Amino acid sequence: MINNLKESLKILESSKEFKTWQKDDQKAFLSNCFAIIENPRVGVVNWEIDYYSPKKDKITSFLVNKNKITVKEDQDILRQKNYNIEELDISKVKIKLNDAIKKIKKKYSDETPEKIIIILQKLDITNWNITFITQRFNILNVKIDSESGKIISEDLKPVISFQSKNP
């Protein structure tokens, strides 16, 4: 069972940890949500919810595990130069994560996931960026418009293709 992202956001935003942090930087905004499903047969997800501070140009991550909140403040951002971080508007997410995963599993029925990496982000449009590491040793990455459910991009490569070229 996948924990509902909107429920996790409610738990976070009503927590004392979040409210205390937010007092210090009220211009910070939701930038992305991240999760790894270690065992897709069980499917439990603990969300890492990231907020971007334009003032500090840093990310603060909140790990929501049931009602326990862990905070990692002021982390550097991995991004390309001149890339602007956009605010993630959760109200634009109409396609549930379960439905996005089902869509991928239906289209790629031969690729059974052993691990699933999930990012909800806004890059021009709000999208689910879902990566399967499969039983067949492939990496399947699919981006799905979280408002319409349309597949934006898809890429399937063998894990071996990511091996370093240098000995």
N, C-alpha and C. Protein backbone atom coordinates (compact mmCIF):
# COMPACT_ATOMS: atom_id res chain seq x y z
N MET A 1 0.83 -1.18 0.00
CA MET A 1 0.00 0.00 0.00
C MET A 1 0.87 1.24 0.00
N ILE A 2 0.60 2.14 -0.90
CA ILE A 2 1.38 3.36 -0.99
C ILE A 2 0.73 4.44 -0.13
N ASN A 3 1.53 5.05 0.73
CA ASN A 3 1.01 6.14 1.56
C ASN A 3 0.62 7.30 0.66
N ASN A 4 -0.52 7.87 0.93
CA ASN A 4 -1.03 8.96 0.13
C ASN A 4 -0.16 10.20 0.34
N LEU A 5 0.32 10.78 -0.75
CA LEU A 5 1.18 11.95 -0.68
C LEU A 5 0.46 13.13 -0.03
N LYS A 6 -0.78 13.36 -0.41
CA LYS A 6 -1.52 14.50 0.16
C LYS A 6 -1.70 14.34 1.66
N GLU A 7 -1.92 13.11 2.12
CA GLU A 7 -2.03 12.86 3.57
C GLU A 7 -0.68 13.13 4.25
N SER A 8 0.40 12.71 3.61
CA SER A 8 1.73 12.95 4.17
C SER A 8 2.02 14.45 4.25
N LEU A 9 1.59 15.20 3.24
CA LEU A 9 1.77 16.66 3.27
C LEU A 9 0.97 17.29 4.41
N LYS A 10 -0.25 16.81 4.63
CA LYS A 10 -1.06 17.33 5.74
C LYS A 10 -0.39 17.06 7.07
N ILE A 11 0.11 15.82 7.24
CA ILE A 11 0.81 15.46 8.48
C ILE A 11 2.01 16.39 8.67
N LEU A 12 2.79 16.58 7.60
CA LEU A 12 3.97 17.44 7.68
C LEU A 12 3.60 18.86 8.04
N GLU A 13 2.68 19.45 7.27
CA GLU A 13 2.37 20.88 7.44
C GLU A 13 1.68 21.20 8.76
N SER A 14 1.14 20.18 9.42
CA SER A 14 0.54 20.42 10.74
C SER A 14 1.50 20.08 11.88
N SER A 15 2.69 19.60 11.55
CA SER A 15 3.66 19.20 12.57
C SER A 15 4.37 20.41 13.18
N LYS A 16 4.80 20.26 14.42
CA LYS A 16 5.54 21.34 15.08
C LYS A 16 6.90 21.55 14.41
N GLU A 17 7.52 20.47 13.89
CA GLU A 17 8.81 20.59 13.22
C GLU A 17 8.70 21.52 12.00
N PHE A 18 7.65 21.31 11.21
CA PHE A 18 7.47 22.12 10.01
C PHE A 18 7.15 23.57 10.38
N LYS A 19 6.24 23.75 11.30
CA LYS A 19 5.83 25.11 11.69
C LYS A 19 7.00 25.91 12.26
N THR A 20 7.83 25.26 13.06
CA THR A 20 9.01 25.93 13.61
C THR A 20 9.97 26.32 12.49
N TRP A 21 10.22 25.39 11.57
CA TRP A 21 11.11 25.67 10.44
C TRP A 21 10.55 26.79 9.57
N GLN A 22 9.26 26.77 9.30
CA GLN A 22 8.63 27.72 8.39
C GLN A 22 8.70 29.16 8.92
N LYS A 23 8.68 29.33 10.23
CA LYS A 23 8.77 30.67 10.82
C LYS A 23 10.04 31.38 10.39
N ASP A 24 11.10 30.61 10.21
CA ASP A 24 12.41 31.17 9.84
C ASP A 24 12.49 31.58 8.37
N ASP A 25 11.70 30.95 7.51
CA ASP A 25 11.79 31.22 6.07
C ASP A 25 10.42 31.07 5.42
N GLN A 26 9.61 32.10 5.53
CA GLN A 26 8.23 32.02 5.05
C GLN A 26 8.11 32.10 3.53
N LYS A 27 9.20 32.42 2.83
CA LYS A 27 9.16 32.46 1.36
C LYS A 27 9.54 31.11 0.73
N ALA A 28 9.95 30.17 1.55
CA ALA A 28 10.29 28.83 1.04
C ALA A 28 9.02 28.18 0.51
N PHE A 29 9.19 27.35 -0.52
CA PHE A 29 8.02 26.70 -1.13
C PHE A 29 8.30 25.24 -1.46
N LEU A 30 7.20 24.48 -1.57
CA LEU A 30 7.28 23.07 -1.94
C LEU A 30 7.91 22.95 -3.32
N SER A 31 8.97 22.15 -3.43
CA SER A 31 9.66 22.04 -4.72
C SER A 31 9.55 20.64 -5.32
N ASN A 32 9.57 19.60 -4.51
CA ASN A 32 9.42 18.25 -5.04
C ASN A 32 9.17 17.26 -3.91
N CYS A 33 8.72 16.08 -4.31
CA CYS A 33 8.48 14.99 -3.37
C CYS A 33 9.18 13.76 -3.93
N PHE A 34 9.78 13.00 -3.05
CA PHE A 34 10.64 11.89 -3.46
C PHE A 34 10.34 10.67 -2.59
N ALA A 35 10.39 9.50 -3.21
CA ALA A 35 10.21 8.26 -2.45
C ALA A 35 10.88 7.11 -3.20
N ILE A 36 11.25 6.10 -2.44
CA ILE A 36 11.76 4.86 -3.01
C ILE A 36 10.91 3.72 -2.44
N ILE A 37 10.40 2.90 -3.33
CA ILE A 37 9.69 1.70 -2.90
C ILE A 37 10.71 0.57 -2.99
N GLU A 38 11.21 0.16 -1.85
CA GLU A 38 12.25 -0.88 -1.79
C GLU A 38 11.71 -2.24 -2.20
N ASN A 39 10.45 -2.51 -1.85
CA ASN A 39 9.85 -3.80 -2.16
C ASN A 39 8.46 -3.54 -2.76
N PRO A 40 8.35 -3.50 -4.10
CA PRO A 40 7.07 -3.19 -4.74
C PRO A 40 5.93 -4.15 -4.38
N ARG A 41 6.26 -5.37 -3.94
CA ARG A 41 5.18 -6.30 -3.54
C ARG A 41 4.52 -5.83 -2.24
N VAL A 42 5.28 -5.15 -1.39
CA VAL A 42 4.74 -4.59 -0.15
C VAL A 42 4.27 -3.16 -0.42
N GLY A 43 5.11 -2.38 -1.10
CA GLY A 43 4.72 -1.07 -1.59
C GLY A 43 4.65 0.06 -0.60
N VAL A 44 5.25 -0.06 0.56
CA VAL A 44 5.18 1.02 1.54
C VAL A 44 6.11 2.15 1.13
N VAL A 45 5.57 3.36 1.19
CA VAL A 45 6.34 4.54 0.81
C VAL A 45 6.39 5.51 1.98
N ASN A 46 7.58 5.99 2.29
CA ASN A 46 7.74 7.11 3.20
C ASN A 46 8.22 8.27 2.33
N TRP A 47 7.49 9.34 2.35
CA TRP A 47 7.79 10.46 1.47
C TRP A 47 8.88 11.36 2.05
N GLU A 48 9.78 11.79 1.18
CA GLU A 48 10.69 12.88 1.48
C GLU A 48 10.13 14.08 0.74
N ILE A 49 9.77 15.10 1.49
CA ILE A 49 9.12 16.28 0.92
C ILE A 49 10.07 17.45 1.04
N ASP A 50 10.42 18.04 -0.11
CA ASP A 50 11.45 19.07 -0.16
C ASP A 50 10.86 20.46 -0.37
N TYR A 51 11.41 21.41 0.38
CA TYR A 51 11.04 22.82 0.25
C TYR A 51 12.28 23.60 -0.13
N TYR A 52 12.10 24.51 -1.08
CA TYR A 52 13.21 25.33 -1.58
C TYR A 52 13.15 26.71 -0.96
N SER A 53 14.29 27.19 -0.50
CA SER A 53 14.41 28.54 0.05
C SER A 53 15.13 29.42 -0.96
N PRO A 54 14.41 30.34 -1.63
CA PRO A 54 15.09 31.26 -2.54
C PRO A 54 16.10 32.15 -1.81
N LYS A 55 15.80 32.48 -0.56
CA LYS A 55 16.69 33.33 0.25
C LYS A 55 18.05 32.67 0.45
N LYS A 56 18.04 31.38 0.73
CA LYS A 56 19.28 30.64 1.00
C LYS A 56 19.80 29.87 -0.21
N ASP A 57 18.95 29.70 -1.23
CA ASP A 57 19.24 28.85 -2.38
C ASP A 57 19.63 27.44 -1.91
N LYS A 58 18.82 26.93 -0.98
CA LYS A 58 19.03 25.61 -0.39
C LYS A 58 17.68 24.89 -0.29
N ILE A 59 17.78 23.57 -0.11
CA ILE A 59 16.60 22.72 0.07
C ILE A 59 16.57 22.23 1.51
N THR A 60 15.37 22.19 2.08
CA THR A 60 15.16 21.50 3.35
C THR A 60 14.25 20.32 3.07
N SER A 61 14.68 19.15 3.51
CA SER A 61 13.93 17.91 3.29
C SER A 61 13.28 17.47 4.58
N PHE A 62 12.04 17.03 4.43
CA PHE A 62 11.29 16.49 5.55
C PHE A 62 10.93 15.05 5.20
N LEU A 63 11.39 14.11 6.01
CA LEU A 63 11.03 12.71 5.82
C LEU A 63 9.82 12.42 6.69
N VAL A 64 8.72 12.01 6.04
CA VAL A 64 7.48 11.73 6.76
C VAL A 64 7.32 10.22 6.84
N ASN A 65 7.46 9.68 8.04
CA ASN A 65 7.32 8.25 8.30
C ASN A 65 6.19 8.09 9.31
N LYS A 66 4.99 7.81 8.80
CA LYS A 66 3.77 7.79 9.61
C LYS A 66 3.63 9.18 10.22
N ASN A 67 3.69 9.31 11.53
CA ASN A 67 3.57 10.63 12.16
C ASN A 67 4.91 11.16 12.67
N LYS A 68 6.00 10.50 12.29
CA LYS A 68 7.33 10.95 12.69
C LYS A 68 7.95 11.78 11.56
N ILE A 69 8.46 12.95 11.92
CA ILE A 69 9.06 13.87 10.95
C ILE A 69 10.55 13.99 11.25
N THR A 70 11.38 13.78 10.22
CA THR A 70 12.82 14.00 10.32
C THR A 70 13.17 15.14 9.38
N VAL A 71 13.97 16.09 9.86
CA VAL A 71 14.29 17.29 9.09
C VAL A 71 15.77 17.30 8.73
N LYS A 72 16.06 17.58 7.44
CA LYS A 72 17.43 17.79 6.97
C LYS A 72 17.45 19.18 6.34
N GLU A 73 18.03 20.14 7.07
CA GLU A 73 17.99 21.54 6.63
C GLU A 73 19.18 21.93 5.76
N ASP A 74 18.93 22.96 4.94
CA ASP A 74 19.96 23.66 4.18
C ASP A 74 20.90 22.76 3.38
N GLN A 75 20.31 21.94 2.55
CA GLN A 75 21.09 21.05 1.69
C GLN A 75 21.38 21.74 0.35
N ASP A 76 22.55 21.45 -0.18
CA ASP A 76 22.89 21.97 -1.50
C ASP A 76 21.99 21.32 -2.55
N ILE A 77 21.83 22.02 -3.66
CA ILE A 77 20.94 21.56 -4.72
C ILE A 77 21.77 21.03 -5.88
N LEU A 78 21.42 19.83 -6.34
CA LEU A 78 22.05 19.29 -7.54
C LEU A 78 21.22 19.75 -8.73
N ARG A 79 21.78 20.63 -9.52
CA ARG A 79 21.04 21.14 -10.69
C ARG A 79 22.00 21.72 -11.71
N GLN A 80 21.47 21.85 -12.92
CA GLN A 80 22.24 22.47 -13.98
C GLN A 80 22.24 23.97 -13.78
N LYS A 81 23.28 24.63 -14.31
CA LYS A 81 23.35 26.09 -14.21
C LYS A 81 22.13 26.74 -14.85
N ASN A 82 21.74 27.87 -14.30
CA ASN A 82 20.61 28.67 -14.80
C ASN A 82 19.28 27.92 -14.78
N TYR A 83 19.19 26.90 -13.97
CA TYR A 83 17.94 26.16 -13.82
C TYR A 83 17.18 26.73 -12.64
N ASN A 84 15.99 27.22 -12.90
CA ASN A 84 15.16 27.77 -11.84
C ASN A 84 14.29 26.69 -11.22
N ILE A 85 14.27 26.65 -9.92
CA ILE A 85 13.41 25.71 -9.23
C ILE A 85 12.02 26.32 -9.17
N GLU A 86 11.04 25.53 -9.62
CA GLU A 86 9.67 26.01 -9.67
C GLU A 86 8.87 25.43 -8.51
N GLU A 87 7.86 26.19 -8.09
CA GLU A 87 7.00 25.73 -7.01
C GLU A 87 6.10 24.60 -7.49
N LEU A 88 6.01 23.57 -6.68
CA LEU A 88 5.15 22.43 -6.97
C LEU A 88 3.78 22.70 -6.39
N ASP A 89 2.78 22.78 -7.26
CA ASP A 89 1.40 23.01 -6.83
C ASP A 89 0.69 21.66 -6.76
N ILE A 90 0.53 21.16 -5.57
CA ILE A 90 -0.02 19.82 -5.37
C ILE A 90 -1.47 19.71 -5.86
N SER A 91 -2.17 20.83 -5.97
CA SER A 91 -3.56 20.79 -6.45
C SER A 91 -3.63 20.42 -7.93
N LYS A 92 -2.52 20.53 -8.64
CA LYS A 92 -2.49 20.17 -10.06
C LYS A 92 -2.27 18.67 -10.28
N VAL A 93 -2.03 17.95 -9.19
CA VAL A 93 -1.80 16.51 -9.29
C VAL A 93 -3.16 15.82 -9.29
N LYS A 94 -3.59 15.40 -10.47
CA LYS A 94 -4.89 14.74 -10.63
C LYS A 94 -4.74 13.23 -10.76
N ILE A 95 -3.57 12.78 -11.22
CA ILE A 95 -3.31 11.36 -11.41
C ILE A 95 -2.60 10.84 -10.16
N LYS A 96 -3.21 9.86 -9.51
CA LYS A 96 -2.61 9.28 -8.31
C LYS A 96 -1.40 8.45 -8.69
N LEU A 97 -0.46 8.36 -7.76
CA LEU A 97 0.75 7.59 -7.98
C LEU A 97 0.43 6.14 -8.33
N ASN A 98 -0.50 5.52 -7.62
CA ASN A 98 -0.88 4.13 -7.92
C ASN A 98 -1.31 3.98 -9.37
N ASP A 99 -2.09 4.95 -9.87
CA ASP A 99 -2.57 4.89 -11.25
C ASP A 99 -1.43 5.07 -12.25
N ALA A 100 -0.48 5.95 -11.93
CA ALA A 100 0.68 6.14 -12.81
C ALA A 100 1.51 4.86 -12.88
N ILE A 101 1.72 4.22 -11.73
CA ILE A 101 2.49 2.97 -11.70
C ILE A 101 1.76 1.87 -12.47
N LYS A 102 0.44 1.77 -12.29
CA LYS A 102 -0.34 0.76 -13.02
C LYS A 102 -0.22 0.97 -14.53
N LYS A 103 -0.23 2.23 -14.96
CA LYS A 103 -0.11 2.55 -16.39
C LYS A 103 1.23 2.05 -16.93
N ILE A 104 2.29 2.27 -16.17
CA ILE A 104 3.62 1.82 -16.60
C ILE A 104 3.68 0.30 -16.62
N LYS A 105 3.16 -0.34 -15.58
CA LYS A 105 3.19 -1.81 -15.51
C LYS A 105 2.39 -2.44 -16.65
N LYS A 106 1.30 -1.80 -17.04
CA LYS A 106 0.48 -2.33 -18.14
C LYS A 106 1.25 -2.22 -19.46
N LYS A 107 1.87 -1.07 -19.69
CA LYS A 107 2.59 -0.86 -20.95
C LYS A 107 3.86 -1.70 -21.03
N TYR A 108 4.51 -1.87 -19.89
CA TYR A 108 5.77 -2.61 -19.84
C TYR A 108 5.58 -3.86 -18.97
N SER A 109 4.67 -4.71 -19.37
CA SER A 109 4.30 -5.88 -18.56
C SER A 109 5.45 -6.87 -18.40
N ASP A 110 6.45 -6.84 -19.29
CA ASP A 110 7.60 -7.74 -19.19
C ASP A 110 8.64 -7.23 -18.19
N GLU A 111 8.48 -6.02 -17.71
CA GLU A 111 9.48 -5.39 -16.84
C GLU A 111 8.94 -5.31 -15.41
N THR A 112 9.12 -6.35 -14.64
CA THR A 112 8.65 -6.40 -13.25
C THR A 112 9.61 -5.61 -12.36
N PRO A 113 9.10 -4.60 -11.65
CA PRO A 113 10.01 -3.79 -10.82
C PRO A 113 10.47 -4.50 -9.56
N GLU A 114 11.75 -4.35 -9.27
CA GLU A 114 12.33 -4.81 -8.01
C GLU A 114 12.44 -3.63 -7.04
N LYS A 115 12.57 -2.45 -7.59
CA LYS A 115 12.66 -1.22 -6.82
C LYS A 115 12.03 -0.12 -7.68
N ILE A 116 11.34 0.83 -7.04
CA ILE A 116 10.72 1.93 -7.77
C ILE A 116 11.16 3.24 -7.12
N ILE A 117 11.67 4.14 -7.94
CA ILE A 117 12.10 5.46 -7.48
C ILE A 117 11.11 6.48 -8.04
N ILE A 118 10.59 7.34 -7.16
CA ILE A 118 9.52 8.26 -7.55
C ILE A 118 9.92 9.69 -7.22
N ILE A 119 9.69 10.58 -8.18
CA ILE A 119 9.85 12.01 -7.93
C ILE A 119 8.62 12.69 -8.50
N LEU A 120 8.02 13.54 -7.71
CA LEU A 120 6.97 14.43 -8.19
C LEU A 120 7.60 15.80 -8.24
N GLN A 121 7.60 16.41 -9.43
CA GLN A 121 8.32 17.67 -9.61
C GLN A 121 7.64 18.51 -10.67
N LYS A 122 8.04 19.78 -10.72
CA LYS A 122 7.56 20.64 -11.78
C LYS A 122 8.75 21.06 -12.63
N LEU A 123 8.74 20.58 -13.86
CA LEU A 123 9.70 20.98 -14.89
C LEU A 123 8.85 21.39 -16.08
N ASP A 124 8.52 22.64 -16.18
CA ASP A 124 7.54 23.16 -17.13
C ASP A 124 6.13 22.71 -16.75
N ILE A 125 5.93 21.39 -16.61
CA ILE A 125 4.64 20.87 -16.14
C ILE A 125 4.90 19.98 -14.93
N THR A 126 3.87 19.79 -14.13
CA THR A 126 4.01 18.92 -12.97
C THR A 126 3.95 17.47 -13.46
N ASN A 127 4.94 16.68 -13.05
CA ASN A 127 4.99 15.31 -13.55
C ASN A 127 5.49 14.33 -12.50
N TRP A 128 5.03 13.09 -12.71
CA TRP A 128 5.57 11.94 -11.98
C TRP A 128 6.77 11.46 -12.78
N ASN A 129 7.92 11.42 -12.17
CA ASN A 129 9.13 10.88 -12.78
C ASN A 129 9.39 9.56 -12.05
N ILE A 130 9.06 8.46 -12.72
CA ILE A 130 9.07 7.14 -12.08
C ILE A 130 10.11 6.25 -12.76
N THR A 131 10.98 5.66 -11.94
CA THR A 131 12.02 4.77 -12.45
C THR A 131 11.84 3.39 -11.83
N PHE A 132 11.77 2.39 -12.70
CA PHE A 132 11.75 0.99 -12.26
C PHE A 132 13.15 0.42 -12.44
N ILE A 133 13.66 -0.24 -11.44
CA ILE A 133 14.82 -1.10 -11.61
C ILE A 133 14.21 -2.50 -11.64
N THR A 134 14.37 -3.19 -12.76
CA THR A 134 13.56 -4.39 -13.02
C THR A 134 14.30 -5.70 -12.77
N GLN A 135 13.50 -6.77 -12.71
CA GLN A 135 14.05 -8.12 -12.54
C GLN A 135 14.95 -8.51 -13.70
N ARG A 136 14.71 -7.90 -14.86
CA ARG A 136 15.50 -8.23 -16.07
C ARG A 136 16.76 -7.36 -16.16
N PHE A 137 17.11 -6.67 -15.07
CA PHE A 137 18.29 -5.81 -15.00
C PHE A 137 18.22 -4.66 -16.00
N ASN A 138 17.03 -4.07 -16.09
CA ASN A 138 16.83 -2.88 -16.91
C ASN A 138 16.44 -1.71 -16.01
N ILE A 139 16.67 -0.52 -16.53
CA ILE A 139 16.21 0.70 -15.87
C ILE A 139 15.19 1.33 -16.80
N LEU A 140 13.97 1.43 -16.31
CA LEU A 140 12.86 2.01 -17.06
C LEU A 140 12.49 3.32 -16.40
N ASN A 141 12.61 4.41 -17.14
CA ASN A 141 12.22 5.73 -16.62
C ASN A 141 11.07 6.26 -17.45
N VAL A 142 9.99 6.62 -16.77
CA VAL A 142 8.81 7.15 -17.45
C VAL A 142 8.38 8.42 -16.72
N LYS A 143 8.15 9.46 -17.50
CA LYS A 143 7.60 10.71 -16.96
C LYS A 143 6.16 10.83 -17.42
N ILE A 144 5.27 11.07 -16.46
CA ILE A 144 3.84 11.15 -16.74
C ILE A 144 3.31 12.49 -16.25
N ASP A 145 2.59 13.19 -17.12
CA ASP A 145 1.93 14.44 -16.74
C ASP A 145 0.97 14.12 -15.60
N SER A 146 1.16 14.75 -14.45
CA SER A 146 0.36 14.40 -13.27
C SER A 146 -1.04 15.00 -13.33
N GLU A 147 -1.29 15.84 -14.33
CA GLU A 147 -2.63 16.41 -14.47
C GLU A 147 -3.47 15.62 -15.48
N SER A 148 -2.85 15.24 -16.61
CA SER A 148 -3.60 14.56 -17.67
C SER A 148 -3.38 13.05 -17.71
N GLY A 149 -2.27 12.58 -17.14
CA GLY A 149 -1.95 11.16 -17.20
C GLY A 149 -1.21 10.76 -18.47
N LYS A 150 -0.92 11.73 -19.33
CA LYS A 150 -0.22 11.46 -20.59
C LYS A 150 1.26 11.17 -20.33
N ILE A 151 1.78 10.16 -21.03
CA ILE A 151 3.21 9.86 -20.93
C ILE A 151 3.98 10.93 -21.69
N ILE A 152 4.91 11.58 -20.99
CA ILE A 152 5.71 12.66 -21.57
C ILE A 152 6.97 12.09 -22.22
N SER A 153 7.61 11.16 -21.51
CA SER A 153 8.81 10.51 -22.04
C SER A 153 8.96 9.15 -21.40
N GLU A 154 9.69 8.28 -22.10
CA GLU A 154 9.97 6.94 -21.58
C GLU A 154 11.30 6.48 -22.14
N ASP A 155 12.03 5.76 -21.30
CA ASP A 155 13.36 5.30 -21.68
C ASP A 155 13.63 3.97 -20.98
N LEU A 156 14.02 2.98 -21.73
CA LEU A 156 14.34 1.66 -21.19
C LEU A 156 15.76 1.30 -21.61
N LYS A 157 16.62 1.09 -20.60
CA LYS A 157 18.02 0.75 -20.88
C LYS A 157 18.47 -0.36 -19.95
N PRO A 158 19.39 -1.19 -20.43
CA PRO A 158 19.95 -2.20 -19.52
C PRO A 158 20.83 -1.52 -18.47
N VAL A 159 20.82 -2.05 -17.26
CA VAL A 159 21.64 -1.51 -16.17
C VAL A 159 23.10 -1.42 -16.60
N ILE A 160 23.55 -2.40 -17.35
CA ILE A 160 24.96 -2.46 -17.78
C ILE A 160 25.35 -1.22 -18.60
N SER A 161 24.41 -0.57 -19.26
CA SER A 161 24.72 0.61 -20.07
C SER A 161 25.14 1.80 -19.21
N PHE A 162 24.91 1.74 -17.89
CA PHE A 162 25.29 2.81 -16.97
C PHE A 162 26.66 2.57 -16.35
N GLN A 163 27.27 1.45 -16.71
CA GLN A 163 28.59 1.11 -16.18
C GLN A 163 29.61 2.12 -16.66
N SER A 164 30.56 2.45 -15.80
CA SER A 164 31.60 3.42 -16.12
C SER A 164 32.45 2.94 -17.30
N LYS A 165 32.82 3.87 -18.16
CA LYS A 165 33.68 3.55 -19.30
C LYS A 165 35.15 3.46 -18.90
N ASN A 166 35.50 4.06 -17.75
CA ASN A 166 36.88 4.05 -17.28
C ASN A 166 37.09 2.87 -16.34
N PRO A 167 38.21 2.15 -16.51
CA PRO A 167 38.49 1.01 -15.61
C PRO A 167 38.84 1.47 -14.22
